[in-house]
Amino acid sequence: MARGWVHTVHKSGIWVNEIEGDGTLSSHATKEEAVAAGRREAISRRTEHVIHRLDGTFAERNSYGNDRFPPRG
């Protein structure tokens, strides 16, 4: 399994899921499709899923792995 985080980003008019250090994993016509596919991949890899805005800035980050600092309570 790859160790890199899954990033959902907009590139050249399409939304893609990329694995850090491993390149493009999948491409999608809509952000919603890409986010859903990215979430499934992050869950299966037990890693982070970072969702970017259209301008490339971070919009959201979700952890599906072994969180070193889990929330309290």
PDB file of N, CA and C in Angstrom:
ATOM      1  N   MET A   1       0.817  -1.189   0.000  1.00  0.00           N
ATOM      2  CA  MET A   1       0.000   0.000   0.000  1.00  0.00           C
ATOM      3  C   MET A   1       0.861   1.254   0.000  1.00  0.00           C
ATOM      4  N   ALA A   2       0.432   2.214  -0.760  1.00  0.00           N
ATOM      5  CA  ALA A   2       1.135   3.491  -0.798  1.00  0.00           C
ATOM      6  C   ALA A   2       0.931   4.223   0.515  1.00  0.00           C
ATOM      7  N   ARG A   3       1.931   4.968   0.929  1.00  0.00           N
ATOM      8  CA  ARG A   3       1.860   5.702   2.173  1.00  0.00           C
ATOM      9  C   ARG A   3       1.297   7.100   1.980  1.00  0.00           C
ATOM     10  N   GLY A   4       1.324   7.612   0.770  1.00  0.00           N
ATOM     11  CA  GLY A   4       0.935   8.990   0.520  1.00  0.00           C
ATOM     12  C   GLY A   4      -0.540   9.269   0.730  1.00  0.00           C
ATOM     13  N   TRP A   5      -0.821  10.517   1.058  1.00  0.00           N
ATOM     14  CA  TRP A   5      -2.196  10.959   1.230  1.00  0.00           C
ATOM     15  C   TRP A   5      -2.896  11.019  -0.110  1.00  0.00           C
ATOM     16  N   VAL A   6      -4.208  10.918  -0.099  1.00  0.00           N
ATOM     17  CA  VAL A   6      -5.032  11.076  -1.286  1.00  0.00           C
ATOM     18  C   VAL A   6      -5.436  12.548  -1.366  1.00  0.00           C
ATOM     19  N   HIS A   7      -5.168  13.187  -2.497  1.00  0.00           N
ATOM     20  CA  HIS A   7      -5.540  14.579  -2.728  1.00  0.00           C
ATOM     21  C   HIS A   7      -6.545  14.647  -3.864  1.00  0.00           C
ATOM     22  N   THR A   8      -7.659  15.343  -3.641  1.00  0.00           N
ATOM     23  CA  THR A   8      -8.639  15.606  -4.686  1.00  0.00           C
ATOM     24  C   THR A   8      -8.411  17.041  -5.142  1.00  0.00           C
ATOM     25  N   VAL A   9      -7.985  17.208  -6.410  1.00  0.00           N
ATOM     26  CA  VAL A   9      -7.611  18.529  -6.932  1.00  0.00           C
ATOM     27  C   VAL A   9      -8.183  18.746  -8.332  1.00  0.00           C
ATOM     28  N   HIS A  10      -8.281  20.003  -8.713  1.00  0.00           N
ATOM     29  CA  HIS A  10      -8.767  20.372 -10.052  1.00  0.00           C
ATOM     30  C   HIS A  10      -7.564  20.669 -10.928  1.00  0.00           C
ATOM     31  N   LYS A  11      -7.473  19.979 -12.074  1.00  0.00           N
ATOM     32  CA  LYS A  11      -6.352  20.173 -12.995  1.00  0.00           C
ATOM     33  C   LYS A  11      -6.860  20.110 -14.429  1.00  0.00           C
ATOM     34  N   SER A  12      -6.497  21.092 -15.206  1.00  0.00           N
ATOM     35  CA  SER A  12      -6.807  21.104 -16.637  1.00  0.00           C
ATOM     36  C   SER A  12      -8.280  20.826 -16.943  1.00  0.00           C
ATOM     37  N   GLY A  13      -9.167  21.399 -16.153  1.00  0.00           N
ATOM     38  CA  GLY A  13     -10.590  21.274 -16.419  1.00  0.00           C
ATOM     39  C   GLY A  13     -11.283  20.042 -15.867  1.00  0.00           C
ATOM     40  N   ILE A  14     -10.555  19.170 -15.173  1.00  0.00           N
ATOM     41  CA  ILE A  14     -11.169  17.983 -14.577  1.00  0.00           C
ATOM     42  C   ILE A  14     -10.724  17.850 -13.122  1.00  0.00           C
ATOM     43  N   TRP A  15     -11.476  17.082 -12.368  1.00  0.00           N
ATOM     44  CA  TRP A  15     -11.109  16.785 -10.983  1.00  0.00           C
ATOM     45  C   TRP A  15     -10.381  15.446 -10.954  1.00  0.00           C
ATOM     46  N   VAL A  16      -9.252  15.410 -10.252  1.00  0.00           N
ATOM     47  CA  VAL A  16      -8.463  14.184 -10.171  1.00  0.00           C
ATOM     48  C   VAL A  16      -8.156  13.840  -8.724  1.00  0.00           C
ATOM     49  N   ASN A  17      -7.911  12.563  -8.506  1.00  0.00           N
ATOM     50  CA  ASN A  17      -7.401  12.081  -7.233  1.00  0.00           C
ATOM     51  C   ASN A  17      -5.963  11.673  -7.458  1.00  0.00           C
ATOM     52  N   GLU A  18      -5.097  12.191  -6.608  1.00  0.00           N
ATOM     53  CA  GLU A  18      -3.673  11.885  -6.701  1.00  0.00           C
ATOM     54  C   GLU A  18      -3.191  11.300  -5.382  1.00  0.00           C
ATOM     55  N   ILE A  19      -2.215  10.440  -5.477  1.00  0.00           N
ATOM     56  CA  ILE A  19      -1.547   9.895  -4.311  1.00  0.00           C
ATOM     57  C   ILE A  19      -0.207  10.602  -4.202  1.00  0.00           C
ATOM     58  N   GLU A  20       0.096  11.162  -3.033  1.00  0.00           N
ATOM     59  CA  GLU A  20       1.371  11.854  -2.855  1.00  0.00           C
ATOM     60  C   GLU A  20       2.521  10.953  -3.258  1.00  0.00           C
ATOM     61  N   GLY A  21       3.355  11.437  -4.135  1.00  0.00           N
ATOM     62  CA  GLY A  21       4.522  10.698  -4.560  1.00  0.00           C
ATOM     63  C   GLY A  21       4.252   9.559  -5.517  1.00  0.00           C
ATOM     64  N   ASP A  22       2.994   9.395  -5.935  1.00  0.00           N
ATOM     65  CA  ASP A  22       2.656   8.251  -6.784  1.00  0.00           C
ATOM     66  C   ASP A  22       1.869   8.639  -8.028  1.00  0.00           C
ATOM     67  N   GLY A  23       1.483   9.886  -8.164  1.00  0.00           N
ATOM     68  CA  GLY A  23       0.796  10.344  -9.366  1.00  0.00           C
ATOM     69  C   GLY A  23      -0.711  10.226  -9.322  1.00  0.00           C
ATOM     70  N   THR A  24      -1.327  10.408 -10.486  1.00  0.00           N
ATOM     71  CA  THR A  24      -2.777  10.424 -10.617  1.00  0.00           C
ATOM     72  C   THR A  24      -3.365   9.030 -10.470  1.00  0.00           C
ATOM     73  N   LEU A  25      -4.411   8.961  -9.683  1.00  0.00           N
ATOM     74  CA  LEU A  25      -5.103   7.709  -9.413  1.00  0.00           C
ATOM     75  C   LEU A  25      -6.367   7.596 -10.263  1.00  0.00           C
ATOM     76  N   SER A  26      -7.142   8.693 -10.348  1.00  0.00           N
ATOM     77  CA  SER A  26      -8.393   8.665 -11.110  1.00  0.00           C
ATOM     78  C   SER A  26      -8.776  10.079 -11.524  1.00  0.00           C
ATOM     79  N   SER A  27      -9.621  10.190 -12.549  1.00  0.00           N
ATOM     80  CA  SER A  27     -10.107  11.494 -12.993  1.00  0.00           C
ATOM     81  C   SER A  27     -11.623  11.449 -13.096  1.00  0.00           C
ATOM     82  N   HIS A  28     -12.268  12.628 -12.866  1.00  0.00           N
ATOM     83  CA  HIS A  28     -13.730  12.686 -12.780  1.00  0.00           C
ATOM     84  C   HIS A  28     -14.236  13.996 -13.357  1.00  0.00           C
ATOM     85  N   ALA A  29     -15.466  13.959 -13.859  1.00  0.00           N
ATOM     86  CA  ALA A  29     -16.078  15.150 -14.458  1.00  0.00           C
ATOM     87  C   ALA A  29     -16.514  16.161 -13.407  1.00  0.00           C
ATOM     88  N   THR A  30     -16.906  15.684 -12.212  1.00  0.00           N
ATOM     89  CA  THR A  30     -17.374  16.598 -11.168  1.00  0.00           C
ATOM     90  C   THR A  30     -16.568  16.420  -9.887  1.00  0.00           C
ATOM     91  N   LYS A  31     -16.594  17.466  -9.075  1.00  0.00           N
ATOM     92  CA  LYS A  31     -15.900  17.416  -7.792  1.00  0.00           C
ATOM     93  C   LYS A  31     -16.540  16.366  -6.883  1.00  0.00           C
ATOM     94  N   GLU A  32     -17.864  16.285  -6.906  1.00  0.00           N
ATOM     95  CA  GLU A  32     -18.566  15.327  -6.051  1.00  0.00           C
ATOM     96  C   GLU A  32     -18.137  13.890  -6.346  1.00  0.00           C
ATOM     97  N   GLU A  33     -18.022  13.542  -7.622  1.00  0.00           N
ATOM     98  CA  GLU A  33     -17.575  12.193  -7.999  1.00  0.00           C
ATOM     99  C   GLU A  33     -16.145  11.953  -7.525  1.00  0.00           C
ATOM    100  N   ALA A  34     -15.301  12.956  -7.705  1.00  0.00           N
ATOM    101  CA  ALA A  34     -13.897  12.820  -7.307  1.00  0.00           C
ATOM    102  C   ALA A  34     -13.757  12.677  -5.800  1.00  0.00           C
ATOM    103  N   VAL A  35     -14.524  13.464  -5.044  1.00  0.00           N
ATOM    104  CA  VAL A  35     -14.459  13.385  -3.583  1.00  0.00           C
ATOM    105  C   VAL A  35     -14.904  12.006  -3.104  1.00  0.00           C
ATOM    106  N   ALA A  36     -15.982  11.491  -3.657  1.00  0.00           N
ATOM    107  CA  ALA A  36     -16.470  10.168  -3.254  1.00  0.00           C
ATOM    108  C   ALA A  36     -15.434   9.088  -3.549  1.00  0.00           C
ATOM    109  N   ALA A  37     -14.833   9.135  -4.733  1.00  0.00           N
ATOM    110  CA  ALA A  37     -13.806   8.143  -5.097  1.00  0.00           C
ATOM    111  C   ALA A  37     -12.557   8.316  -4.233  1.00  0.00           C
ATOM    112  N   GLY A  38     -12.181   9.552  -3.972  1.00  0.00           N
ATOM    113  CA  GLY A  38     -11.014   9.818  -3.121  1.00  0.00           C
ATOM    114  C   GLY A  38     -11.221   9.326  -1.706  1.00  0.00           C
ATOM    115  N   ARG A  39     -12.435   9.519  -1.186  1.00  0.00           N
ATOM    116  CA  ARG A  39     -12.758   9.049   0.165  1.00  0.00           C
ATOM    117  C   ARG A  39     -12.652   7.525   0.234  1.00  0.00           C
ATOM    118  N   ARG A  40     -13.227   6.840  -0.750  1.00  0.00           N
ATOM    119  CA  ARG A  40     -13.138   5.367  -0.767  1.00  0.00           C
ATOM    120  C   ARG A  40     -11.685   4.906  -0.794  1.00  0.00           C
ATOM    121  N   GLU A  41     -10.870   5.570  -1.610  1.00  0.00           N
ATOM    122  CA  GLU A  41      -9.454   5.184  -1.711  1.00  0.00           C
ATOM    123  C   GLU A  41      -8.714   5.450  -0.404  1.00  0.00           C
ATOM    124  N   ALA A  42      -8.971   6.593   0.214  1.00  0.00           N
ATOM    125  CA  ALA A  42      -8.313   6.919   1.485  1.00  0.00           C
ATOM    126  C   ALA A  42      -8.706   5.929   2.576  1.00  0.00           C
ATOM    127  N   ILE A  43      -9.969   5.542   2.600  1.00  0.00           N
ATOM    128  CA  ILE A  43     -10.432   4.551   3.582  1.00  0.00           C
ATOM    129  C   ILE A  43      -9.726   3.220   3.349  1.00  0.00           C
ATOM    130  N   SER A  44      -9.637   2.793   2.095  1.00  0.00           N
ATOM    131  CA  SER A  44      -9.001   1.496   1.814  1.00  0.00           C
ATOM    132  C   SER A  44      -7.504   1.520   2.109  1.00  0.00           C
ATOM    133  N   ARG A  45      -6.879   2.680   1.939  1.00  0.00           N
ATOM    134  CA  ARG A  45      -5.445   2.805   2.214  1.00  0.00           C
ATOM    135  C   ARG A  45      -5.149   3.201   3.656  1.00  0.00           C
ATOM    136  N   ARG A  46      -6.221   3.543   4.410  1.00  0.00           N
ATOM    137  CA  ARG A  46      -6.085   3.983   5.799  1.00  0.00           C
ATOM    138  C   ARG A  46      -5.140   5.171   5.898  1.00  0.00           C
ATOM    139  N   THR A  47      -5.489   6.231   5.177  1.00  0.00           N
ATOM    140  CA  THR A  47      -4.641   7.411   5.126  1.00  0.00           C
ATOM    141  C   THR A  47      -5.495   8.676   5.161  1.00  0.00           C
ATOM    142  N   GLU A  48      -4.897   9.813   4.907  1.00  0.00           N
ATOM    143  CA  GLU A  48      -5.587  11.101   4.892  1.00  0.00           C
ATOM    144  C   GLU A  48      -6.182  11.375   3.516  1.00  0.00           C
ATOM    145  N   HIS A  49      -7.301  12.095   3.508  1.00  0.00           N
ATOM    146  CA  HIS A  49      -7.916  12.555   2.258  1.00  0.00           C
ATOM    147  C   HIS A  49      -7.991  14.071   2.333  1.00  0.00           C
ATOM    148  N   VAL A  50      -7.276  14.744   1.442  1.00  0.00           N
ATOM    149  CA  VAL A  50      -7.248  16.196   1.398  1.00  0.00           C
ATOM    150  C   VAL A  50      -8.026  16.655   0.172  1.00  0.00           C
ATOM    151  N   ILE A  51      -9.043  17.481   0.408  1.00  0.00           N
ATOM    152  CA  ILE A  51      -9.888  17.993  -0.670  1.00  0.00           C
ATOM    153  C   ILE A  51      -9.514  19.458  -0.886  1.00  0.00           C
ATOM    154  N   HIS A  52      -9.230  19.793  -2.139  1.00  0.00           N
ATOM    155  CA  HIS A  52      -8.823  21.147  -2.490  1.00  0.00           C
ATOM    156  C   HIS A  52      -9.966  21.907  -3.157  1.00  0.00           C
ATOM    157  N   ARG A  53      -9.913  23.232  -3.045  1.00  0.00           N
ATOM    158  CA  ARG A  53     -10.860  24.089  -3.755  1.00  0.00           C
ATOM    159  C   ARG A  53     -10.401  24.221  -5.207  1.00  0.00           C
ATOM    160  N   LEU A  54     -11.247  24.854  -6.002  1.00  0.00           N
ATOM    161  CA  LEU A  54     -10.944  25.076  -7.410  1.00  0.00           C
ATOM    162  C   LEU A  54      -9.622  25.826  -7.589  1.00  0.00           C
ATOM    163  N   ASP A  55      -9.306  26.749  -6.667  1.00  0.00           N
ATOM    164  CA  ASP A  55      -8.071  27.529  -6.767  1.00  0.00           C
ATOM    165  C   ASP A  55      -6.849  26.800  -6.199  1.00  0.00           C
ATOM    166  N   GLY A  56      -7.040  25.577  -5.710  1.00  0.00           N
ATOM    167  CA  GLY A  56      -5.929  24.776  -5.215  1.00  0.00           C
ATOM    168  C   GLY A  56      -5.702  24.833  -3.718  1.00  0.00           C
ATOM    169  N   THR A  57      -6.358  25.749  -3.007  1.00  0.00           N
ATOM    170  CA  THR A  57      -6.180  25.832  -1.559  1.00  0.00           C
ATOM    171  C   THR A  57      -6.913  24.689  -0.875  1.00  0.00           C
ATOM    172  N   PHE A  58      -6.499  24.371   0.358  1.00  0.00           N
ATOM    173  CA  PHE A  58      -7.129  23.295   1.123  1.00  0.00           C
ATOM    174  C   PHE A  58      -8.545  23.701   1.511  1.00  0.00           C
ATOM    175  N   ALA A  59      -9.484  22.792   1.319  1.00  0.00           N
ATOM    176  CA  ALA A  59     -10.861  23.027   1.732  1.00  0.00           C
ATOM    177  C   ALA A  59     -11.215  22.141   2.926  1.00  0.00           C
ATOM    178  N   GLU A  60     -10.695  20.908   2.908  1.00  0.00           N
ATOM    179  CA  GLU A  60     -11.079  19.942   3.930  1.00  0.00           C
ATOM    180  C   GLU A  60     -10.034  18.843   4.007  1.00  0.00           C
ATOM    181  N   ARG A  61      -9.887  18.267   5.207  1.00  0.00           N
ATOM    182  CA  ARG A  61      -8.967  17.146   5.385  1.00  0.00           C
ATOM    183  C   ARG A  61      -9.613  16.145   6.326  1.00  0.00           C
ATOM    184  N   ASN A  62      -9.619  14.887   5.939  1.00  0.00           N
ATOM    185  CA  ASN A  62     -10.212  13.825   6.742  1.00  0.00           C
ATOM    186  C   ASN A  62      -9.205  12.708   6.947  1.00  0.00           C
ATOM    187  N   SER A  63      -9.185  12.165   8.147  1.00  0.00           N
ATOM    188  CA  SER A  63      -8.263  11.098   8.488  1.00  0.00           C
ATOM    189  C   SER A  63      -9.002   9.769   8.547  1.00  0.00           C
ATOM    190  N   TYR A  64      -8.491   8.788   7.827  1.00  0.00           N
ATOM    191  CA  TYR A  64      -9.067   7.452   7.835  1.00  0.00           C
ATOM    192  C   TYR A  64      -8.040   6.413   8.265  1.00  0.00           C
ATOM    193  N   GLY A  65      -6.959   6.864   8.881  1.00  0.00           N
ATOM    194  CA  GLY A  65      -5.903   5.944   9.272  1.00  0.00           C
ATOM    195  C   GLY A  65      -5.691   5.943  10.761  1.00  0.00           C
ATOM    196  N   ASN A  66      -4.498   5.609  11.134  1.00  0.00           N
ATOM    197  CA  ASN A  66      -4.118   5.595  12.532  1.00  0.00           C
ATOM    198  C   ASN A  66      -3.754   7.015  12.951  1.00  0.00           C
ATOM    199  N   ASP A  67      -4.726   7.727  13.477  1.00  0.00           N
ATOM    200  CA  ASP A  67      -4.534   9.112  13.878  1.00  0.00           C
ATOM    201  C   ASP A  67      -3.703   9.171  15.150  1.00  0.00           C
ATOM    202  N   ARG A  68      -2.564   9.853  15.071  1.00  0.00           N
ATOM    203  CA  ARG A  68      -1.699   9.969  16.247  1.00  0.00           C
ATOM    204  C   ARG A  68      -2.308  10.878  17.298  1.00  0.00           C
ATOM    205  N   PHE A  69      -3.222  11.757  16.906  1.00  0.00           N
ATOM    206  CA  PHE A  69      -3.849  12.691  17.828  1.00  0.00           C
ATOM    207  C   PHE A  69      -5.372  12.651  17.653  1.00  0.00           C
ATOM    208  N   PRO A  70      -6.014  11.549  18.068  1.00  0.00           N
ATOM    209  CA  PRO A  70      -7.460  11.435  17.879  1.00  0.00           C
ATOM    210  C   PRO A  70      -8.201  12.457  18.752  1.00  0.00           C
ATOM    211  N   PRO A  71      -9.429  12.824  18.354  1.00  0.00           N
ATOM    212  CA  PRO A  71     -10.195  13.767  19.157  1.00  0.00           C
ATOM    213  C   PRO A  71     -10.547  13.180  20.506  1.00  0.00           C
ATOM    214  N   ARG A  72     -10.633  14.025  21.493  1.00  0.00           N
ATOM    215  CA  ARG A  72     -10.985  13.564  22.852  1.00  0.00           C
ATOM    216  C   ARG A  72     -12.487  13.397  22.969  1.00  0.00           C
ATOM    217  N   GLY A  73     -12.875  12.455  23.812  1.00  0.00           N
ATOM    218  CA  GLY A  73     -14.299  12.290  24.122  1.00  0.00           C
ATOM    219  C   GLY A  73     -14.950  11.431  23.215  1.00  0.00           C
TER     220      GLY A  73
END
